[in-house]
Amino acid sequence: MDYIKVKCLQKDEVIGLVKEWIKLYPHSFNPEVNFWFYELAEDQVIIGLHDDLSTLAVSLLVIYLTSALKDSTEVDNVVAYLTVDDNEILLKQNYGRRAKILAKGTDDDNTGVIILLENNYCVDYYFRGKAHQIKNHGFVFLEPALPESIENAGKDEIFVGDVVPKKKIEQSLEPDASPWKKLMWYAICTAVGLGIGFLLVYLYF
């Protein structure tokens, strides 16, 4: 199970923050992507994560939640645990491994995460360029056991489609809604046009 453990915030506060975060990326997620919330203890909340969320997306959410705890100096107040199934940050050789993600910094000039794998391989990532290995980091991967009752407990659940109107998401996926897609089509048409032009010149002369 992929999840984020949040300390020092109540469940309603965490739900509100996740909704705000979703609105920051309205075109990035399928409307069916969901998050569920379970109150583990007083001011301790578990956020269950959808399988479609990448390591990069979870890292951004960890940063966002950590930034809401500016008065706290504890680095492990927001920690994500997930199984790596993409290569947006980590290499393919890490597929299938459990990873622990926590914020390294939330300042504008120093926003990054630390990713510690279950084999104690550790990297830092600053959302620019590649992740860099941290040697002699001193961390040991330990994932806390969650109560068995969490699977059957009553959970609050939200869907991206409930936060961002589905119509708005669908419009963002249309070719004419994305400048990058427009640019791609312009490039294809230009290439085809040039190819036909060169062929006609070749055949004529």
Protein backbone atom coordinates (compact mmCIF):
# COMPACT_ATOMS: atom_id res chain seq x y z
CA MET A 1 0.00 0.00 0.00
CA ASP A 2 1.28 3.47 -0.91
CA TYR A 3 0.55 6.13 1.67
CA ILE A 4 1.68 9.31 3.40
CA LYS A 5 1.81 9.62 7.17
CA VAL A 6 1.16 13.14 8.47
CA LYS A 7 1.72 14.29 12.05
CA CYS A 8 0.61 17.48 13.81
CA LEU A 9 -2.45 18.04 11.62
CA GLN A 10 -6.05 16.96 12.01
CA LYS A 11 -7.82 14.93 9.34
CA ASP A 12 -9.99 17.81 8.11
CA GLU A 13 -6.90 19.97 7.73
CA VAL A 14 -5.10 17.27 5.74
CA ILE A 15 -8.11 16.75 3.46
CA GLY A 16 -8.26 20.50 2.81
CA LEU A 17 -4.55 20.63 1.95
CA VAL A 18 -4.80 17.70 -0.47
CA LYS A 19 -7.73 19.39 -2.23
CA GLU A 20 -5.69 22.60 -2.54
CA TRP A 21 -2.77 20.62 -3.95
CA ILE A 22 -4.99 18.91 -6.55
CA LYS A 23 -6.19 22.33 -7.73
CA LEU A 24 -2.56 23.31 -8.38
CA TYR A 25 -2.32 20.49 -10.97
CA PRO A 26 -5.84 20.33 -12.47
CA HIS A 27 -4.67 18.82 -15.76
CA SER A 28 -2.27 16.23 -14.37
CA PHE A 29 -4.54 13.52 -13.02
CA ASN A 30 -7.36 11.31 -14.20
CA PRO A 31 -10.70 12.25 -12.56
CA GLU A 32 -10.88 8.73 -11.09
CA VAL A 33 -7.66 9.13 -9.09
CA ASN A 34 -8.61 9.01 -5.42
CA PHE A 35 -7.17 9.70 -1.99
CA TRP A 36 -8.49 8.25 1.26
CA PHE A 37 -7.91 9.46 4.79
CA TYR A 38 -7.67 7.53 8.03
CA GLU A 39 -7.10 9.05 11.46
CA LEU A 40 -4.39 6.90 13.00
CA ALA A 41 -4.23 8.77 16.33
CA GLU A 42 -4.69 12.28 17.61
CA ASP A 43 -3.12 14.61 15.04
CA GLN A 44 -1.80 11.65 13.02
CA VAL A 45 -3.38 10.96 9.64
CA ILE A 46 -2.75 8.39 6.92
CA ILE A 47 -3.34 9.43 3.30
CA GLY A 48 -3.93 6.41 1.07
CA LEU A 49 -2.52 7.01 -2.43
CA HIS A 50 -3.84 5.87 -5.79
CA ASP A 51 -1.62 3.53 -7.85
CA ASP A 52 -1.48 6.06 -10.72
CA LEU A 53 0.49 8.58 -8.66
CA SER A 54 4.15 8.68 -9.67
CA THR A 55 7.16 9.10 -7.40
CA LEU A 56 7.41 12.69 -8.62
CA ALA A 57 3.76 13.46 -7.84
CA VAL A 58 4.05 11.98 -4.35
CA SER A 59 7.25 13.97 -3.76
CA LEU A 60 5.45 17.19 -4.69
CA LEU A 61 2.61 16.34 -2.32
CA VAL A 62 5.08 15.65 0.51
CA ILE A 63 6.67 19.07 -0.10
CA TYR A 64 3.25 20.77 -0.11
CA LEU A 65 2.12 19.15 3.12
CA THR A 66 5.45 19.84 4.82
CA SER A 67 5.23 23.52 3.87
CA ALA A 68 1.99 23.69 5.90
CA LEU A 69 4.02 22.79 9.01
CA LYS A 70 6.42 25.73 8.93
CA ASP A 71 6.51 25.99 12.71
CA SER A 72 7.68 22.39 13.05
CA THR A 73 11.35 21.40 12.98
CA GLU A 74 10.72 17.65 12.79
CA VAL A 75 11.73 16.34 9.34
CA ASP A 76 9.59 13.22 9.65
CA ASN A 77 6.24 14.89 10.29
CA VAL A 78 5.32 14.16 6.67
CA VAL A 79 6.67 10.88 5.27
CA ALA A 80 5.56 8.92 2.23
CA TYR A 81 5.98 5.18 1.72
CA LEU A 82 5.48 3.74 -1.74
CA THR A 83 6.54 1.02 -4.14
CA VAL A 84 8.60 2.44 -7.02
CA ASP A 85 6.92 1.76 -10.37
CA ASP A 86 8.18 4.61 -12.56
CA ASN A 87 11.47 6.23 -13.54
CA GLU A 88 10.62 9.93 -13.28
CA ILE A 89 13.18 10.30 -10.48
CA LEU A 90 14.76 6.88 -9.87
CA LEU A 91 16.24 4.44 -12.38
CA LYS A 92 14.35 1.38 -13.64
CA GLN A 93 16.60 -0.88 -11.59
CA ASN A 94 14.68 0.33 -8.53
CA TYR A 95 11.29 -0.89 -9.76
CA GLY A 96 9.42 -2.83 -7.12
CA ARG A 97 11.39 -1.50 -4.17
CA ARG A 98 9.78 0.29 -1.26
CA ALA A 99 10.82 3.91 -0.86
CA LYS A 100 10.57 6.46 1.91
CA ILE A 101 10.20 10.11 0.87
CA LEU A 102 10.57 13.16 3.08
CA ALA A 103 11.13 16.84 2.42
CA LYS A 104 14.68 18.15 2.47
CA GLY A 105 13.68 21.77 2.04
CA THR A 106 10.57 23.80 1.23
CA ASP A 107 12.13 27.20 0.48
CA ASP A 108 11.82 28.56 -3.04
CA ASP A 109 15.56 28.21 -3.62
CA ASN A 110 15.96 24.95 -1.71
CA THR A 111 12.95 22.75 -2.44
CA GLY A 112 13.81 19.08 -2.52
CA VAL A 113 13.20 15.61 -1.16
CA ILE A 114 15.23 12.75 0.22
CA ILE A 115 14.33 9.32 -1.13
CA LEU A 116 15.54 6.34 0.87
CA LEU A 117 15.04 2.88 -0.60
CA GLU A 118 14.54 -0.33 1.34
CA ASN A 119 18.11 -1.38 0.51
CA ASN A 120 19.23 1.89 2.21
CA TYR A 121 20.26 3.47 -1.11
CA CYS A 122 19.61 7.20 -0.63
CA VAL A 123 19.28 10.11 -3.07
CA ASP A 124 18.33 13.75 -2.92
CA TYR A 125 16.27 15.39 -5.64
CA TYR A 126 15.68 19.10 -6.20
CA PHE A 127 13.16 18.95 -9.08
CA ARG A 128 15.83 19.96 -11.56
CA GLY A 129 18.16 17.58 -13.29
CA LYS A 130 18.77 14.11 -11.90
CA ALA A 131 18.67 12.63 -8.43
CA HIS A 132 22.07 12.42 -6.73
CA GLN A 133 23.20 9.67 -4.42
CA ILE A 134 23.92 10.59 -0.81
CA LYS A 135 26.81 8.56 0.56
CA ASN A 136 27.34 8.00 4.28
CA HIS A 137 23.85 9.34 4.92
CA GLY A 138 23.30 7.44 8.16
CA PHE A 139 19.64 6.64 7.41
CA VAL A 140 18.15 3.17 7.92
CA PHE A 141 14.96 2.23 6.10
CA LEU A 142 12.23 1.35 8.57
CA GLU A 143 8.56 1.34 7.63
CA PRO A 144 6.15 1.41 10.57
CA ALA A 145 3.49 -1.26 10.73
CA LEU A 146 -0.01 0.04 10.20
CA PRO A 147 -2.92 -1.39 12.19
CA GLU A 148 -4.76 -4.22 10.44
CA SER A 149 -8.02 -2.43 11.16
CA ILE A 150 -7.10 0.29 8.67
CA GLU A 151 -8.25 -1.89 5.75
CA ASN A 152 -11.78 -2.23 7.11
CA ALA A 153 -12.08 1.08 8.94
CA GLY A 154 -14.34 3.86 7.80
CA LYS A 155 -12.37 6.22 5.59
CA ASP A 156 -13.02 9.63 4.12
CA GLU A 157 -12.38 9.55 0.38
CA ILE A 158 -12.05 12.18 -2.32
CA PHE A 159 -11.65 11.89 -6.09
CA VAL A 160 -9.82 14.32 -8.36
CA GLY A 161 -13.06 14.60 -10.35
CA ASP A 162 -14.83 15.83 -7.22
CA VAL A 163 -12.28 18.61 -6.72
CA VAL A 164 -11.65 19.61 -10.34
CA PRO A 165 -14.68 19.45 -12.70
CA LYS A 166 -14.36 16.51 -15.10
CA LYS A 167 -15.26 18.77 -18.03
CA LYS A 168 -12.30 21.01 -17.24
CA ILE A 169 -9.95 18.02 -17.21
CA GLU A 170 -11.31 16.69 -20.51
CA GLN A 171 -10.95 20.11 -22.14
CA SER A 172 -7.32 20.24 -21.04
CA LEU A 173 -6.69 16.96 -22.87
CA GLU A 174 -8.05 18.24 -26.20
CA PRO A 175 -5.36 18.96 -28.84
CA ASP A 176 -6.32 22.63 -29.17
CA ALA A 177 -6.07 23.15 -25.40
CA SER A 178 -2.37 22.42 -25.12
CA PRO A 179 0.27 24.73 -26.66
CA TRP A 180 2.74 21.83 -26.65
CA LYS A 181 0.36 19.67 -28.67
CA LYS A 182 -0.22 22.56 -31.06
CA LEU A 183 3.53 22.95 -31.48
CA MET A 184 3.89 19.21 -32.13
CA TRP A 185 1.21 19.29 -34.86
CA TYR A 186 2.77 22.37 -36.45
CA ALA A 187 6.13 20.61 -36.54
CA ILE A 188 4.64 17.47 -38.12
CA CYS A 189 2.78 19.47 -40.79
CA THR A 190 5.89 21.51 -41.55
CA ALA A 191 8.01 18.37 -41.93
CA VAL A 192 5.45 16.73 -44.22
CA GLY A 193 5.15 19.91 -46.29
CA LEU A 194 8.91 20.21 -46.70
CA GLY A 195 9.16 16.53 -47.63
CA ILE A 196 6.54 16.88 -50.36
CA GLY A 197 8.23 20.03 -51.63
CA PHE A 198 11.65 18.38 -51.88
CA LEU A 199 10.10 15.35 -53.62
CA LEU A 200 8.40 17.53 -56.25
CA VAL A 201 11.62 19.45 -56.90
CA TYR A 202 13.55 16.17 -57.21
CA LEU A 203 11.05 14.67 -59.67
CA TYR A 204 10.77 17.87 -61.71
CA PHE A 205 14.50 18.38 -62.17
